[in-house]
Amino acid sequence: MPRWEPDARERFVVAALELFTDQGYDETTVAQIAERAGLTRSTFFRHFADKREVLAAGQETLSALLAEGIASAPAGASPFDAVAAGLQNAAAAMTPFNRALGPRVEAAISTSTELQERAVLKRVGMASAMAEALRERGVDDTVAVMAAELGVLSFKVSFEEWTSDGNEADLTDLAAAALQRFQSAMGQLQ
């Protein structure tokens, strides 16, 4: 077997999810994940700090995509429109691999308090990246934080809908619709 497999990260993620499902997160070791993936422990640690990180794979990329979309929104775009651009940028980058693994990741996360806490931190990181991108556009801090949180919620809801059985809608459309629904709901708070 070649030393550097081109799809090693994906293989580790799939192997870990299979093992987490079969025997539980706490009972799964890095050695088992590496064996199931057909790779070595040292290769695992080149890609991930620990087994928790397997389920957070792509978090930094997702946060960067959201922030880049906000930064690339047209000059003069409202904070809402900038967040919409961030959501569109991130949604467009999601692949069938992301779609297929989404429900399995959520199932694994639901079995462990540690993983649930990590999922919350992931959302905090996404919101932080979005808020910072908005502040860099000159948006007031309070508005930036609120818009970012709305964006994270919109992405979460649309991703769950996108990965649900029988869904045929495109993630970019679902994300835009979710953001619109939340904006409308905010108007009803007054």
C-alpha atoms as a PDB file:
ATOM      1  CA  MET A   1       0.000   0.000   0.000  1.00  0.00           C
ATOM      2  CA  PRO A   2       1.400   3.441  -0.853  1.00  0.00           C
ATOM      3  CA  ARG A   3       2.582   5.452   2.134  1.00  0.00           C
ATOM      4  CA  TRP A   4       0.558   8.592   1.279  1.00  0.00           C
ATOM      5  CA  GLU A   5      -2.967   7.738   0.309  1.00  0.00           C
ATOM      6  CA  PRO A   6      -4.664  10.646  -1.480  1.00  0.00           C
ATOM      7  CA  ASP A   7      -7.985  10.123   0.264  1.00  0.00           C
ATOM      8  CA  ALA A   8      -6.618   9.319   3.729  1.00  0.00           C
ATOM      9  CA  ARG A   9      -8.688  11.966   5.557  1.00  0.00           C
ATOM     10  CA  GLU A  10     -11.917  10.717   4.044  1.00  0.00           C
ATOM     11  CA  ARG A  11     -10.969   7.120   4.778  1.00  0.00           C
ATOM     12  CA  PHE A  12     -10.285   7.967   8.417  1.00  0.00           C
ATOM     13  CA  VAL A  13     -13.600   9.807   8.737  1.00  0.00           C
ATOM     14  CA  VAL A  14     -15.573   6.930   7.199  1.00  0.00           C
ATOM     15  CA  ALA A  15     -13.744   4.330   9.308  1.00  0.00           C
ATOM     16  CA  ALA A  16     -14.257   6.312  12.500  1.00  0.00           C
ATOM     17  CA  LEU A  17     -17.964   6.786  11.836  1.00  0.00           C
ATOM     18  CA  GLU A  18     -18.398   3.077  11.147  1.00  0.00           C
ATOM     19  CA  LEU A  19     -16.665   2.194  14.408  1.00  0.00           C
ATOM     20  CA  PHE A  20     -18.449   4.873  16.432  1.00  0.00           C
ATOM     21  CA  THR A  21     -21.743   3.471  15.131  1.00  0.00           C
ATOM     22  CA  ASP A  22     -20.805  -0.182  15.667  1.00  0.00           C
ATOM     23  CA  GLN A  23     -19.182   0.000  19.089  1.00  0.00           C
ATOM     24  CA  GLY A  24     -19.579   3.545  20.388  1.00  0.00           C
ATOM     25  CA  TYR A  25     -17.299   6.545  20.523  1.00  0.00           C
ATOM     26  CA  ASP A  26     -15.757   5.827  23.918  1.00  0.00           C
ATOM     27  CA  GLU A  27     -14.887   2.240  23.004  1.00  0.00           C
ATOM     28  CA  THR A  28     -13.209   3.164  19.707  1.00  0.00           C
ATOM     29  CA  THR A  29      -9.453   3.698  19.614  1.00  0.00           C
ATOM     30  CA  VAL A  30      -7.255   5.495  17.120  1.00  0.00           C
ATOM     31  CA  ALA A  31      -5.548   2.180  16.384  1.00  0.00           C
ATOM     32  CA  GLN A  32      -8.913   0.664  15.428  1.00  0.00           C
ATOM     33  CA  ILE A  33      -9.750   3.627  13.212  1.00  0.00           C
ATOM     34  CA  ALA A  34      -6.397   3.372  11.444  1.00  0.00           C
ATOM     35  CA  GLU A  35      -6.785  -0.378  10.972  1.00  0.00           C
ATOM     36  CA  ARG A  36     -10.321  -0.010   9.584  1.00  0.00           C
ATOM     37  CA  ALA A  37      -9.084   2.698   7.189  1.00  0.00           C
ATOM     38  CA  GLY A  38      -6.197   0.496   6.079  1.00  0.00           C
ATOM     39  CA  LEU A  39      -3.668   3.102   7.177  1.00  0.00           C
ATOM     40  CA  THR A  40      -1.272   3.591  10.081  1.00  0.00           C
ATOM     41  CA  ARG A  41      -1.642   5.373  13.404  1.00  0.00           C
ATOM     42  CA  SER A  42       1.133   7.760  12.428  1.00  0.00           C
ATOM     43  CA  THR A  43      -0.781   8.662   9.271  1.00  0.00           C
ATOM     44  CA  PHE A  44      -3.853   9.269  11.427  1.00  0.00           C
ATOM     45  CA  PHE A  45      -1.913  11.702  13.598  1.00  0.00           C
ATOM     46  CA  ARG A  46      -0.686  13.570  10.529  1.00  0.00           C
ATOM     47  CA  HIS A  47      -4.313  14.417   9.819  1.00  0.00           C
ATOM     48  CA  PHE A  48      -5.949  14.608  13.260  1.00  0.00           C
ATOM     49  CA  ALA A  49      -4.821  15.459  16.787  1.00  0.00           C
ATOM     50  CA  ASP A  50      -7.150  12.859  18.307  1.00  0.00           C
ATOM     51  CA  LYS A  51     -10.279  10.854  17.508  1.00  0.00           C
ATOM     52  CA  ARG A  52     -12.546  13.792  18.452  1.00  0.00           C
ATOM     53  CA  GLU A  53     -11.049  15.813  15.641  1.00  0.00           C
ATOM     54  CA  VAL A  54     -12.283  13.281  13.072  1.00  0.00           C
ATOM     55  CA  LEU A  55     -15.803  14.553  13.623  1.00  0.00           C
ATOM     56  CA  ALA A  56     -14.683  18.168  13.404  1.00  0.00           C
ATOM     57  CA  ALA A  57     -12.862  17.567  10.133  1.00  0.00           C
ATOM     58  CA  GLY A  58     -13.487  20.527   7.901  1.00  0.00           C
ATOM     59  CA  GLN A  59     -14.543  22.951  10.647  1.00  0.00           C
ATOM     60  CA  GLU A  60     -11.745  25.395   9.887  1.00  0.00           C
ATOM     61  CA  THR A  61     -12.453  25.130   6.180  1.00  0.00           C
ATOM     62  CA  LEU A  62     -16.160  25.739   6.731  1.00  0.00           C
ATOM     63  CA  SER A  63     -15.474  28.768   8.937  1.00  0.00           C
ATOM     64  CA  ALA A  64     -13.080  30.120   6.310  1.00  0.00           C
ATOM     65  CA  LEU A  65     -15.625  29.609   3.521  1.00  0.00           C
ATOM     66  CA  LEU A  66     -18.273  31.478   5.490  1.00  0.00           C
ATOM     67  CA  ALA A  67     -15.879  34.349   6.242  1.00  0.00           C
ATOM     68  CA  GLU A  68     -14.606  34.496   2.637  1.00  0.00           C
ATOM     69  CA  GLY A  69     -18.162  34.700   1.333  1.00  0.00           C
ATOM     70  CA  ILE A  70     -18.904  37.575   3.696  1.00  0.00           C
ATOM     71  CA  ALA A  71     -15.701  39.357   2.695  1.00  0.00           C
ATOM     72  CA  SER A  72     -16.490  38.980  -1.003  1.00  0.00           C
ATOM     73  CA  ALA A  73     -20.031  40.344  -0.725  1.00  0.00           C
ATOM     74  CA  PRO A  74     -20.493  43.523  -2.754  1.00  0.00           C
ATOM     75  CA  ALA A  75     -19.449  46.779  -1.137  1.00  0.00           C
ATOM     76  CA  GLY A  76     -22.428  48.314   0.574  1.00  0.00           C
ATOM     77  CA  ALA A  77     -24.153  44.968   1.132  1.00  0.00           C
ATOM     78  CA  SER A  78     -26.168  44.869   4.329  1.00  0.00           C
ATOM     79  CA  PRO A  79     -24.932  42.575   7.118  1.00  0.00           C
ATOM     80  CA  PHE A  80     -27.823  40.247   6.256  1.00  0.00           C
ATOM     81  CA  ASP A  81     -26.817  40.144   2.570  1.00  0.00           C
ATOM     82  CA  ALA A  82     -23.167  39.602   3.513  1.00  0.00           C
ATOM     83  CA  VAL A  83     -24.147  36.639   5.706  1.00  0.00           C
ATOM     84  CA  ALA A  84     -26.239  35.309   2.821  1.00  0.00           C
ATOM     85  CA  ALA A  85     -23.127  35.508   0.617  1.00  0.00           C
ATOM     86  CA  GLY A  86     -21.167  33.606   3.263  1.00  0.00           C
ATOM     87  CA  LEU A  87     -23.805  30.895   3.418  1.00  0.00           C
ATOM     88  CA  GLN A  88     -23.877  30.600  -0.356  1.00  0.00           C
ATOM     89  CA  ASN A  89     -20.089  30.301  -0.508  1.00  0.00           C
ATOM     90  CA  ALA A  90     -20.008  27.556   2.122  1.00  0.00           C
ATOM     91  CA  ALA A  91     -23.027  25.700   0.758  1.00  0.00           C
ATOM     92  CA  ALA A  92     -21.584  25.650  -2.748  1.00  0.00           C
ATOM     93  CA  ALA A  93     -18.479  23.886  -1.436  1.00  0.00           C
ATOM     94  CA  MET A  94     -20.405  21.005   0.143  1.00  0.00           C
ATOM     95  CA  THR A  95     -20.036  17.723  -1.731  1.00  0.00           C
ATOM     96  CA  PRO A  96     -21.971  14.460  -1.897  1.00  0.00           C
ATOM     97  CA  PHE A  97     -19.421  13.143   0.622  1.00  0.00           C
ATOM     98  CA  ASN A  98     -20.507  15.823   3.122  1.00  0.00           C
ATOM     99  CA  ARG A  99     -24.135  15.039   2.430  1.00  0.00           C
ATOM    100  CA  ALA A 100     -23.728  11.303   2.932  1.00  0.00           C
ATOM    101  CA  LEU A 101     -21.804  11.641   6.172  1.00  0.00           C
ATOM    102  CA  GLY A 102     -23.912  14.370   7.783  1.00  0.00           C
ATOM    103  CA  PRO A 103     -26.496  12.095   9.436  1.00  0.00           C
ATOM    104  CA  ARG A 104     -23.804   9.650  10.570  1.00  0.00           C
ATOM    105  CA  VAL A 105     -21.787  12.432  12.167  1.00  0.00           C
ATOM    106  CA  GLU A 106     -24.873  13.708  13.984  1.00  0.00           C
ATOM    107  CA  ALA A 107     -25.717  10.183  15.167  1.00  0.00           C
ATOM    108  CA  ALA A 108     -22.204   9.740  16.547  1.00  0.00           C
ATOM    109  CA  ILE A 109     -22.288  13.151  18.232  1.00  0.00           C
ATOM    110  CA  SER A 110     -25.603  12.370  19.924  1.00  0.00           C
ATOM    111  CA  THR A 111     -24.028   9.426  21.774  1.00  0.00           C
ATOM    112  CA  SER A 112     -21.348  11.385  23.622  1.00  0.00           C
ATOM    113  CA  THR A 113     -21.426  14.415  25.896  1.00  0.00           C
ATOM    114  CA  GLU A 114     -17.826  15.155  24.893  1.00  0.00           C
ATOM    115  CA  LEU A 115     -18.785  15.225  21.219  1.00  0.00           C
ATOM    116  CA  GLN A 116     -21.856  17.343  21.892  1.00  0.00           C
ATOM    117  CA  GLU A 117     -19.670  19.891  23.650  1.00  0.00           C
ATOM    118  CA  ARG A 118     -17.260  19.805  20.685  1.00  0.00           C
ATOM    119  CA  ALA A 119     -20.166  20.430  18.289  1.00  0.00           C
ATOM    120  CA  VAL A 120     -21.174  23.504  20.278  1.00  0.00           C
ATOM    121  CA  LEU A 121     -17.587  24.779  20.122  1.00  0.00           C
ATOM    122  CA  LYS A 122     -17.630  24.225  16.367  1.00  0.00           C
ATOM    123  CA  ARG A 123     -20.663  26.473  16.026  1.00  0.00           C
ATOM    124  CA  VAL A 124     -19.012  29.071  18.254  1.00  0.00           C
ATOM    125  CA  GLY A 125     -15.964  29.015  15.973  1.00  0.00           C
ATOM    126  CA  MET A 126     -18.133  29.458  12.895  1.00  0.00           C
ATOM    127  CA  ALA A 127     -19.978  32.376  14.468  1.00  0.00           C
ATOM    128  CA  SER A 128     -16.725  33.975  15.543  1.00  0.00           C
ATOM    129  CA  ALA A 129     -15.277  33.747  12.025  1.00  0.00           C
ATOM    130  CA  MET A 130     -18.438  35.235  10.526  1.00  0.00           C
ATOM    131  CA  ALA A 131     -18.652  38.035  13.099  1.00  0.00           C
ATOM    132  CA  GLU A 132     -15.010  38.952  12.516  1.00  0.00           C
ATOM    133  CA  ALA A 133     -15.575  39.067   8.748  1.00  0.00           C
ATOM    134  CA  LEU A 134     -18.548  41.369   9.309  1.00  0.00           C
ATOM    135  CA  ARG A 135     -16.568  43.633  11.656  1.00  0.00           C
ATOM    136  CA  GLU A 136     -13.878  43.876   8.985  1.00  0.00           C
ATOM    137  CA  ARG A 137     -16.601  45.226   6.690  1.00  0.00           C
ATOM    138  CA  GLY A 138     -17.292  47.955   9.258  1.00  0.00           C
ATOM    139  CA  VAL A 139     -20.354  46.359  10.832  1.00  0.00           C
ATOM    140  CA  ASP A 140     -21.058  47.320  14.454  1.00  0.00           C
ATOM    141  CA  ASP A 141     -20.016  44.577  16.894  1.00  0.00           C
ATOM    142  CA  THR A 142     -23.506  43.863  18.241  1.00  0.00           C
ATOM    143  CA  VAL A 143     -24.979  43.632  14.751  1.00  0.00           C
ATOM    144  CA  ALA A 144     -22.037  41.494  13.567  1.00  0.00           C
ATOM    145  CA  VAL A 145     -22.491  39.012  16.409  1.00  0.00           C
ATOM    146  CA  MET A 146     -26.242  38.793  15.901  1.00  0.00           C
ATOM    147  CA  ALA A 147     -25.953  38.381  12.134  1.00  0.00           C
ATOM    148  CA  ALA A 148     -23.256  35.724  12.567  1.00  0.00           C
ATOM    149  CA  GLU A 149     -25.371  33.741  15.019  1.00  0.00           C
ATOM    150  CA  LEU A 150     -28.286  33.948  12.600  1.00  0.00           C
ATOM    151  CA  GLY A 151     -25.980  32.665   9.861  1.00  0.00           C
ATOM    152  CA  VAL A 152     -24.790  29.717  11.937  1.00  0.00           C
ATOM    153  CA  LEU A 153     -28.355  28.778  12.822  1.00  0.00           C
ATOM    154  CA  SER A 154     -29.350  29.038   9.158  1.00  0.00           C
ATOM    155  CA  PHE A 155     -26.470  26.815   8.082  1.00  0.00           C
ATOM    156  CA  LYS A 156     -27.238  24.241  10.786  1.00  0.00           C
ATOM    157  CA  VAL A 157     -30.921  24.026   9.910  1.00  0.00           C
ATOM    158  CA  SER A 158     -30.346  23.938   6.152  1.00  0.00           C
ATOM    159  CA  PHE A 159     -27.588  21.306   6.431  1.00  0.00           C
ATOM    160  CA  GLU A 160     -29.872  19.087   8.520  1.00  0.00           C
ATOM    161  CA  GLU A 161     -32.637  19.485   5.945  1.00  0.00           C
ATOM    162  CA  TRP A 162     -30.212  18.845   3.062  1.00  0.00           C
ATOM    163  CA  THR A 163     -28.987  15.595   4.600  1.00  0.00           C
ATOM    164  CA  SER A 164     -32.436  14.292   5.515  1.00  0.00           C
ATOM    165  CA  ASP A 165     -33.879  11.291   3.697  1.00  0.00           C
ATOM    166  CA  GLY A 166     -35.755  12.109   0.550  1.00  0.00           C
ATOM    167  CA  ASN A 167     -34.551  15.686   0.260  1.00  0.00           C
ATOM    168  CA  GLU A 168     -33.824  16.738  -3.302  1.00  0.00           C
ATOM    169  CA  ALA A 169     -33.270  20.456  -2.724  1.00  0.00           C
ATOM    170  CA  ASP A 170     -29.912  22.132  -3.225  1.00  0.00           C
ATOM    171  CA  LEU A 171     -28.078  23.250  -0.071  1.00  0.00           C
ATOM    172  CA  THR A 172     -27.562  26.765  -1.430  1.00  0.00           C
ATOM    173  CA  ASP A 173     -31.331  27.143  -1.868  1.00  0.00           C
ATOM    174  CA  LEU A 174     -32.048  25.663   1.555  1.00  0.00           C
ATOM    175  CA  ALA A 175     -29.529  27.990   3.239  1.00  0.00           C
ATOM    176  CA  ALA A 176     -31.028  31.062   1.569  1.00  0.00           C
ATOM    177  CA  ALA A 177     -34.546  29.981   2.544  1.00  0.00           C
ATOM    178  CA  ALA A 178     -33.517  29.315   6.158  1.00  0.00           C
ATOM    179  CA  LEU A 179     -31.891  32.727   6.464  1.00  0.00           C
ATOM    180  CA  GLN A 180     -35.029  34.372   5.078  1.00  0.00           C
ATOM    181  CA  ARG A 181     -37.227  32.457   7.542  1.00  0.00           C
ATOM    182  CA  PHE A 182     -35.082  33.552  10.484  1.00  0.00           C
ATOM    183  CA  GLN A 183     -35.014  37.146   9.314  1.00  0.00           C
ATOM    184  CA  SER A 184     -38.805  37.081   9.084  1.00  0.00           C
ATOM    185  CA  ALA A 185     -39.067  35.485  12.534  1.00  0.00           C
ATOM    186  CA  MET A 186     -36.860  38.230  13.992  1.00  0.00           C
ATOM    187  CA  GLY A 187     -39.286  40.804  12.673  1.00  0.00           C
ATOM    188  CA  GLN A 188     -42.028  39.115  14.684  1.00  0.00           C
ATOM    189  CA  LEU A 189     -40.132  39.561  17.940  1.00  0.00           C
ATOM    190  CA  GLN A 190     -41.081  43.230  18.180  1.00  0.00           C
END
